[in-house]
Amino acid sequence: MQITKITDKQDPLAIPKKTPLSTKKLQREFDYYRAEKLLRQMLEKGLVTEVEFNKIMRLNRETFSPLLAQIMPDIP
């Protein structure tokens, strides 16, 4: 059995450095969110088909490069 002592001190090497988002990256995230929201509304109202929706969403991911694009589900 292994016992680990828990202390209040944190290992500075174990904590990754936080880098703040630049204004440009934050704006891209916001623009992506806004585009997705608008596109979903268009889909709900029947202004675009699901196939068109998926094509546009793929293009939006390439254009806006959202930070979490790597872990977002694939678009058919």
PDB file of N, CA and C in Angstrom:
ATOM      1  N   MET A   1       0.845  -1.166   0.000  1.00  0.00           N
ATOM      2  CA  MET A   1       0.000   0.000   0.000  1.00  0.00           C
ATOM      3  C   MET A   1       0.892   1.232   0.000  1.00  0.00           C
ATOM      4  N   GLN A   2       0.511   2.228  -0.823  1.00  0.00           N
ATOM      5  CA  GLN A   2       1.286   3.464  -0.914  1.00  0.00           C
ATOM      6  C   GLN A   2       0.501   4.583  -0.246  1.00  0.00           C
ATOM      7  N   ILE A   3       1.195   5.360   0.575  1.00  0.00           N
ATOM      8  CA  ILE A   3       0.560   6.485   1.265  1.00  0.00           C
ATOM      9  C   ILE A   3       1.154   7.775   0.730  1.00  0.00           C
ATOM     10  N   THR A   4       0.281   8.723   0.406  1.00  0.00           N
ATOM     11  CA  THR A   4       0.721  10.017  -0.105  1.00  0.00           C
ATOM     12  C   THR A   4       0.336  11.086   0.892  1.00  0.00           C
ATOM     13  N   LYS A   5       1.310  11.881   1.250  1.00  0.00           N
ATOM     14  CA  LYS A   5       1.054  12.960   2.190  1.00  0.00           C
ATOM     15  C   LYS A   5       0.549  14.175   1.413  1.00  0.00           C
ATOM     16  N   ILE A   6      -0.561  14.726   1.856  1.00  0.00           N
ATOM     17  CA  ILE A   6      -1.128  15.906   1.217  1.00  0.00           C
ATOM     18  C   ILE A   6      -0.714  17.132   2.023  1.00  0.00           C
ATOM     19  N   THR A   7      -0.131  18.089   1.327  1.00  0.00           N
ATOM     20  CA  THR A   7       0.302  19.313   1.997  1.00  0.00           C
ATOM     21  C   THR A   7      -0.337  20.519   1.325  1.00  0.00           C
ATOM     22  N   ASP A   8      -0.205  21.665   1.959  1.00  0.00           N
ATOM     23  CA  ASP A   8      -0.741  22.894   1.384  1.00  0.00           C
ATOM     24  C   ASP A   8       0.146  23.435   0.276  1.00  0.00           C
ATOM     25  N   LYS A   9       1.416  23.047   0.289  1.00  0.00           N
ATOM     26  CA  LYS A   9       2.338  23.545  -0.719  1.00  0.00           C
ATOM     27  C   LYS A   9       2.043  22.878  -2.057  1.00  0.00           C
ATOM     28  N   GLN A  10       2.104  23.664  -3.118  1.00  0.00           N
ATOM     29  CA  GLN A  10       1.882  23.129  -4.444  1.00  0.00           C
ATOM     30  C   GLN A  10       3.197  23.119  -5.197  1.00  0.00           C
ATOM     31  N   ASP A  11       3.391  22.064  -5.947  1.00  0.00           N
ATOM     32  CA  ASP A  11       4.585  21.943  -6.758  1.00  0.00           C
ATOM     33  C   ASP A  11       4.462  22.888  -7.951  1.00  0.00           C
ATOM     34  N   PRO A  12       5.351  23.883  -8.067  1.00  0.00           N
ATOM     35  CA  PRO A  12       5.227  24.841  -9.178  1.00  0.00           C
ATOM     36  C   PRO A  12       5.384  24.197 -10.551  1.00  0.00           C
ATOM     37  N   LEU A  13       6.031  23.050 -10.628  1.00  0.00           N
ATOM     38  CA  LEU A  13       6.179  22.367 -11.906  1.00  0.00           C
ATOM     39  C   LEU A  13       4.909  21.616 -12.306  1.00  0.00           C
ATOM     40  N   ALA A  14       4.079  21.273 -11.325  1.00  0.00           N
ATOM     41  CA  ALA A  14       2.870  20.508 -11.602  1.00  0.00           C
ATOM     42  C   ALA A  14       1.728  21.393 -12.094  1.00  0.00           C
ATOM     43  N   ILE A  15       1.818  22.683 -11.845  1.00  0.00           N
ATOM     44  CA  ILE A  15       0.754  23.601 -12.241  1.00  0.00           C
ATOM     45  C   ILE A  15       1.127  24.277 -13.557  1.00  0.00           C
ATOM     46  N   PRO A  16       0.340  24.032 -14.604  1.00  0.00           N
ATOM     47  CA  PRO A  16       0.657  24.683 -15.883  1.00  0.00           C
ATOM     48  C   PRO A  16       0.419  26.193 -15.789  1.00  0.00           C
ATOM     49  N   LYS A  17       1.231  26.930 -16.525  1.00  0.00           N
ATOM     50  CA  LYS A  17       1.066  28.378 -16.538  1.00  0.00           C
ATOM     51  C   LYS A  17      -0.205  28.727 -17.296  1.00  0.00           C
ATOM     52  N   LYS A  18      -0.928  29.675 -16.761  1.00  0.00           N
ATOM     53  CA  LYS A  18      -2.145  30.133 -17.419  1.00  0.00           C
ATOM     54  C   LYS A  18      -1.792  31.286 -18.337  1.00  0.00           C
ATOM     55  N   THR A  19      -2.238  31.174 -19.552  1.00  0.00           N
ATOM     56  CA  THR A  19      -2.008  32.264 -20.491  1.00  0.00           C
ATOM     57  C   THR A  19      -3.359  32.875 -20.829  1.00  0.00           C
ATOM     58  N   PRO A  20      -3.503  34.157 -20.611  1.00  0.00           N
ATOM     59  CA  PRO A  20      -4.787  34.791 -20.890  1.00  0.00           C
ATOM     60  C   PRO A  20      -5.082  34.809 -22.382  1.00  0.00           C
ATOM     61  N   LEU A  21      -6.352  34.778 -22.710  1.00  0.00           N
ATOM     62  CA  LEU A  21      -6.761  34.849 -24.112  1.00  0.00           C
ATOM     63  C   LEU A  21      -6.496  36.249 -24.643  1.00  0.00           C
ATOM     64  N   SER A  22      -5.976  36.304 -25.837  1.00  0.00           N
ATOM     65  CA  SER A  22      -5.784  37.610 -26.458  1.00  0.00           C
ATOM     66  C   SER A  22      -7.147  38.124 -26.907  1.00  0.00           C
ATOM     67  N   THR A  23      -7.227  39.393 -27.138  1.00  0.00           N
ATOM     68  CA  THR A  23      -8.477  39.999 -27.591  1.00  0.00           C
ATOM     69  C   THR A  23      -8.922  39.380 -28.907  1.00  0.00           C
ATOM     70  N   LYS A  24      -7.956  39.113 -29.778  1.00  0.00           N
ATOM     71  CA  LYS A  24      -8.264  38.530 -31.084  1.00  0.00           C
ATOM     72  C   LYS A  24      -8.878  37.137 -30.938  1.00  0.00           C
ATOM     73  N   LYS A  25      -8.288  36.288 -30.080  1.00  0.00           N
ATOM     74  CA  LYS A  25      -8.800  34.942 -29.876  1.00  0.00           C
ATOM     75  C   LYS A  25     -10.182  34.976 -29.226  1.00  0.00           C
ATOM     76  N   LEU A  26     -10.356  35.865 -28.277  1.00  0.00           N
ATOM     77  CA  LEU A  26     -11.641  35.989 -27.613  1.00  0.00           C
ATOM     78  C   LEU A  26     -12.717  36.438 -28.602  1.00  0.00           C
ATOM     79  N   GLN A  27     -12.360  37.357 -29.494  1.00  0.00           N
ATOM     80  CA  GLN A  27     -13.310  37.825 -30.500  1.00  0.00           C
ATOM     81  C   GLN A  27     -13.689  36.696 -31.450  1.00  0.00           C
ATOM     82  N   ARG A  28     -12.706  35.856 -31.834  1.00  0.00           N
ATOM     83  CA  ARG A  28     -12.996  34.715 -32.705  1.00  0.00           C
ATOM     84  C   ARG A  28     -13.958  33.740 -32.039  1.00  0.00           C
ATOM     85  N   GLU A  29     -13.767  33.498 -30.741  1.00  0.00           N
ATOM     86  CA  GLU A  29     -14.668  32.612 -29.992  1.00  0.00           C
ATOM     87  C   GLU A  29     -16.089  33.173 -29.996  1.00  0.00           C
ATOM     88  N   PHE A  30     -16.193  34.464 -29.734  1.00  0.00           N
ATOM     89  CA  PHE A  30     -17.505  35.105 -29.700  1.00  0.00           C
ATOM     90  C   PHE A  30     -18.163  35.059 -31.080  1.00  0.00           C
ATOM     91  N   ASP A  31     -17.399  35.346 -32.116  1.00  0.00           N
ATOM     92  CA  ASP A  31     -17.938  35.323 -33.483  1.00  0.00           C
ATOM     93  C   ASP A  31     -18.410  33.922 -33.862  1.00  0.00           C
ATOM     94  N   TYR A  32     -17.650  32.897 -33.458  1.00  0.00           N
ATOM     95  CA  TYR A  32     -18.044  31.514 -33.740  1.00  0.00           C
ATOM     96  C   TYR A  32     -19.354  31.189 -33.038  1.00  0.00           C
ATOM     97  N   TYR A  33     -19.451  31.565 -31.768  1.00  0.00           N
ATOM     98  CA  TYR A  33     -20.668  31.309 -30.997  1.00  0.00           C
ATOM     99  C   TYR A  33     -21.869  32.004 -31.641  1.00  0.00           C
ATOM    100  N   ARG A  34     -21.675  33.252 -32.029  1.00  0.00           N
ATOM    101  CA  ARG A  34     -22.757  34.022 -32.646  1.00  0.00           C
ATOM    102  C   ARG A  34     -23.196  33.400 -33.973  1.00  0.00           C
ATOM    103  N   ALA A  35     -22.223  32.981 -34.783  1.00  0.00           N
ATOM    104  CA  ALA A  35     -22.527  32.365 -36.078  1.00  0.00           C
ATOM    105  C   ALA A  35     -23.280  31.053 -35.880  1.00  0.00           C
ATOM    106  N   GLU A  36     -22.858  30.264 -34.894  1.00  0.00           N
ATOM    107  CA  GLU A  36     -23.525  28.996 -34.632  1.00  0.00           C
ATOM    108  C   GLU A  36     -24.960  29.221 -34.164  1.00  0.00           C
ATOM    109  N   LYS A  37     -25.151  30.174 -33.288  1.00  0.00           N
ATOM    110  CA  LYS A  37     -26.488  30.458 -32.772  1.00  0.00           C
ATOM    111  C   LYS A  37     -27.428  30.898 -33.902  1.00  0.00           C
ATOM    112  N   LEU A  38     -26.953  31.777 -34.753  1.00  0.00           N
ATOM    113  CA  LEU A  38     -27.757  32.257 -35.870  1.00  0.00           C
ATOM    114  C   LEU A  38     -28.078  31.123 -36.844  1.00  0.00           C
ATOM    115  N   LEU A  39     -27.080  30.297 -37.125  1.00  0.00           N
ATOM    116  CA  LEU A  39     -27.273  29.188 -38.048  1.00  0.00           C
ATOM    117  C   LEU A  39     -28.275  28.175 -37.497  1.00  0.00           C
ATOM    118  N   ARG A  40     -28.232  27.913 -36.196  1.00  0.00           N
ATOM    119  CA  ARG A  40     -29.197  26.987 -35.582  1.00  0.00           C
ATOM    120  C   ARG A  40     -30.619  27.534 -35.696  1.00  0.00           C
ATOM    121  N   GLN A  41     -30.766  28.834 -35.522  1.00  0.00           N
ATOM    122  CA  GLN A  41     -32.084  29.452 -35.671  1.00  0.00           C
ATOM    123  C   GLN A  41     -32.582  29.298 -37.112  1.00  0.00           C
ATOM    124  N   MET A  42     -31.669  29.468 -38.063  1.00  0.00           N
ATOM    125  CA  MET A  42     -32.041  29.306 -39.470  1.00  0.00           C
ATOM    126  C   MET A  42     -32.467  27.862 -39.748  1.00  0.00           C
ATOM    127  N   LEU A  43     -31.774  26.902 -39.142  1.00  0.00           N
ATOM    128  CA  LEU A  43     -32.119  25.494 -39.308  1.00  0.00           C
ATOM    129  C   LEU A  43     -33.503  25.211 -38.724  1.00  0.00           C
ATOM    130  N   GLU A  44     -33.764  25.735 -37.527  1.00  0.00           N
ATOM    131  CA  GLU A  44     -35.055  25.525 -36.872  1.00  0.00           C
ATOM    132  C   GLU A  44     -36.206  26.106 -37.683  1.00  0.00           C
ATOM    133  N   LYS A  45     -35.968  27.214 -38.371  1.00  0.00           N
ATOM    134  CA  LYS A  45     -37.016  27.864 -39.165  1.00  0.00           C
ATOM    135  C   LYS A  45     -37.110  27.295 -40.576  1.00  0.00           C
ATOM    136  N   GLY A  46     -36.247  26.347 -40.904  1.00  0.00           N
ATOM    137  CA  GLY A  46     -36.291  25.702 -42.205  1.00  0.00           C
ATOM    138  C   GLY A  46     -35.651  26.516 -43.317  1.00  0.00           C
ATOM    139  N   LEU A  47     -34.840  27.507 -42.959  1.00  0.00           N
ATOM    140  CA  LEU A  47     -34.191  28.335 -43.967  1.00  0.00           C
ATOM    141  C   LEU A  47     -32.967  27.656 -44.575  1.00  0.00           C
ATOM    142  N   VAL A  48     -32.392  26.691 -43.851  1.00  0.00           N
ATOM    143  CA  VAL A  48     -31.288  25.887 -44.373  1.00  0.00           C
ATOM    144  C   VAL A  48     -31.585  24.429 -44.049  1.00  0.00           C
ATOM    145  N   THR A  49     -31.089  23.540 -44.878  1.00  0.00           N
ATOM    146  CA  THR A  49     -31.257  22.111 -44.614  1.00  0.00           C
ATOM    147  C   THR A  49     -30.168  21.656 -43.638  1.00  0.00           C
ATOM    148  N   GLU A  50     -30.312  20.439 -43.142  1.00  0.00           N
ATOM    149  CA  GLU A  50     -29.304  19.912 -42.224  1.00  0.00           C
ATOM    150  C   GLU A  50     -27.958  19.731 -42.926  1.00  0.00           C
ATOM    151  N   VAL A  51     -28.000  19.361 -44.200  1.00  0.00           N
ATOM    152  CA  VAL A  51     -26.767  19.205 -44.973  1.00  0.00           C
ATOM    153  C   VAL A  51     -26.064  20.562 -45.112  1.00  0.00           C
ATOM    154  N   GLU A  52     -26.832  21.589 -45.436  1.00  0.00           N
ATOM    155  CA  GLU A  52     -26.254  22.940 -45.551  1.00  0.00           C
ATOM    156  C   GLU A  52     -25.722  23.417 -44.203  1.00  0.00           C
ATOM    157  N   PHE A  53     -26.479  23.125 -43.158  1.00  0.00           N
ATOM    158  CA  PHE A  53     -26.052  23.486 -41.799  1.00  0.00           C
ATOM    159  C   PHE A  53     -24.689  22.885 -41.481  1.00  0.00           C
ATOM    160  N   ASN A  54     -24.535  21.587 -41.768  1.00  0.00           N
ATOM    161  CA  ASN A  54     -23.271  20.909 -41.472  1.00  0.00           C
ATOM    162  C   ASN A  54     -22.116  21.473 -42.291  1.00  0.00           C
ATOM    163  N   LYS A  55     -22.365  21.776 -43.563  1.00  0.00           N
ATOM    164  CA  LYS A  55     -21.314  22.362 -44.409  1.00  0.00           C
ATOM    165  C   LYS A  55     -20.868  23.713 -43.865  1.00  0.00           C
ATOM    166  N   ILE A  56     -21.841  24.527 -43.486  1.00  0.00           N
ATOM    167  CA  ILE A  56     -21.518  25.868 -42.974  1.00  0.00           C
ATOM    168  C   ILE A  56     -20.785  25.766 -41.637  1.00  0.00           C
ATOM    169  N   MET A  57     -21.198  24.832 -40.781  1.00  0.00           N
ATOM    170  CA  MET A  57     -20.526  24.673 -39.490  1.00  0.00           C
ATOM    171  C   MET A  57     -19.065  24.251 -39.676  1.00  0.00           C
ATOM    172  N   ARG A  58     -18.817  23.364 -40.667  1.00  0.00           N
ATOM    173  CA  ARG A  58     -17.424  22.980 -40.949  1.00  0.00           C
ATOM    174  C   ARG A  58     -16.616  24.197 -41.381  1.00  0.00           C
ATOM    175  N   LEU A  59     -17.191  25.004 -42.247  1.00  0.00           N
ATOM    176  CA  LEU A  59     -16.506  26.222 -42.701  1.00  0.00           C
ATOM    177  C   LEU A  59     -16.281  27.192 -41.543  1.00  0.00           C
ATOM    178  N   ASN A  60     -17.261  27.305 -40.654  1.00  0.00           N
ATOM    179  CA  ASN A  60     -17.117  28.200 -39.500  1.00  0.00           C
ATOM    180  C   ASN A  60     -15.976  27.752 -38.587  1.00  0.00           C
ATOM    181  N   ARG A  61     -15.843  26.442 -38.405  1.00  0.00           N
ATOM    182  CA  ARG A  61     -14.736  25.950 -37.567  1.00  0.00           C
ATOM    183  C   ARG A  61     -13.387  26.292 -38.181  1.00  0.00           C
ATOM    184  N   GLU A  62     -13.303  26.195 -39.508  1.00  0.00           N
ATOM    185  CA  GLU A  62     -12.046  26.548 -40.177  1.00  0.00           C
ATOM    186  C   GLU A  62     -11.796  28.053 -40.115  1.00  0.00           C
ATOM    187  N   THR A  63     -12.843  28.834 -40.315  1.00  0.00           N
ATOM    188  CA  THR A  63     -12.711  30.284 -40.363  1.00  0.00           C
ATOM    189  C   THR A  63     -12.397  30.879 -39.000  1.00  0.00           C
ATOM    190  N   PHE A  64     -13.166  30.491 -37.983  1.00  0.00           N
ATOM    191  CA  PHE A  64     -13.025  31.103 -36.660  1.00  0.00           C
ATOM    192  C   PHE A  64     -12.014  30.391 -35.770  1.00  0.00           C
ATOM    193  N   SER A  65     -11.677  29.152 -36.079  1.00  0.00           N
ATOM    194  CA  SER A  65     -10.732  28.358 -35.288  1.00  0.00           C
ATOM    195  C   SER A  65     -11.019  28.429 -33.790  1.00  0.00           C
ATOM    196  N   PRO A  66     -12.191  27.962 -33.350  1.00  0.00           N
ATOM    197  CA  PRO A  66     -12.476  28.014 -31.917  1.00  0.00           C
ATOM    198  C   PRO A  66     -11.482  27.163 -31.137  1.00  0.00           C
ATOM    199  N   LEU A  67     -11.202  27.561 -29.915  1.00  0.00           N
ATOM    200  CA  LEU A  67     -10.190  26.877 -29.107  1.00  0.00           C
ATOM    201  C   LEU A  67     -10.504  25.401 -28.877  1.00  0.00           C
ATOM    202  N   LEU A  68     -11.755  25.058 -28.756  1.00  0.00           N
ATOM    203  CA  LEU A  68     -12.116  23.681 -28.451  1.00  0.00           C
ATOM    204  C   LEU A  68     -12.461  22.865 -29.695  1.00  0.00           C
ATOM    205  N   ALA A  69     -12.080  23.336 -30.854  1.00  0.00           N
ATOM    206  CA  ALA A  69     -12.411  22.640 -32.104  1.00  0.00           C
ATOM    207  C   ALA A  69     -11.863  21.220 -32.118  1.00  0.00           C
ATOM    208  N   GLN A  70     -10.708  20.992 -31.476  1.00  0.00           N
ATOM    209  CA  GLN A  70     -10.103  19.658 -31.495  1.00  0.00           C
ATOM    210  C   GLN A  70     -10.969  18.637 -30.773  1.00  0.00           C
ATOM    211  N   ILE A  71     -11.748  19.045 -29.773  1.00  0.00           N
ATOM    212  CA  ILE A  71     -12.549  18.086 -29.020  1.00  0.00           C
ATOM    213  C   ILE A  71     -14.024  18.138 -29.377  1.00  0.00           C
ATOM    214  N   MET A  72     -14.392  19.014 -30.320  1.00  0.00           N
ATOM    215  CA  MET A  72     -15.786  19.066 -30.758  1.00  0.00           C
ATOM    216  C   MET A  72     -16.080  17.830 -31.604  1.00  0.00           C
ATOM    217  N   PRO A  73     -17.335  17.353 -31.552  1.00  0.00           N
ATOM    218  CA  PRO A  73     -17.665  16.174 -32.365  1.00  0.00           C
ATOM    219  C   PRO A  73     -17.540  16.487 -33.843  1.00  0.00           C
ATOM    220  N   ASP A  74     -17.205  15.460 -34.612  1.00  0.00           N
ATOM    221  CA  ASP A  74     -17.100  15.622 -36.053  1.00  0.00           C
ATOM    222  C   ASP A  74     -18.466  15.946 -36.635  1.00  0.00           C
ATOM    223  N   ILE A  75     -18.450  16.747 -37.678  1.00  0.00           N
ATOM    224  CA  ILE A  75     -19.685  17.090 -38.368  1.00  0.00           C
ATOM    225  C   ILE A  75     -19.791  16.183 -39.585  1.00  0.00           C
ATOM    226  N   PRO A  76     -20.928  15.486 -39.703  1.00  0.00           N
ATOM    227  CA  PRO A  76     -21.071  14.554 -40.847  1.00  0.00           C
ATOM    228  C   PRO A  76     -21.047  15.252 -42.191  1.00  0.00           C
TER     229      PRO A  76
END
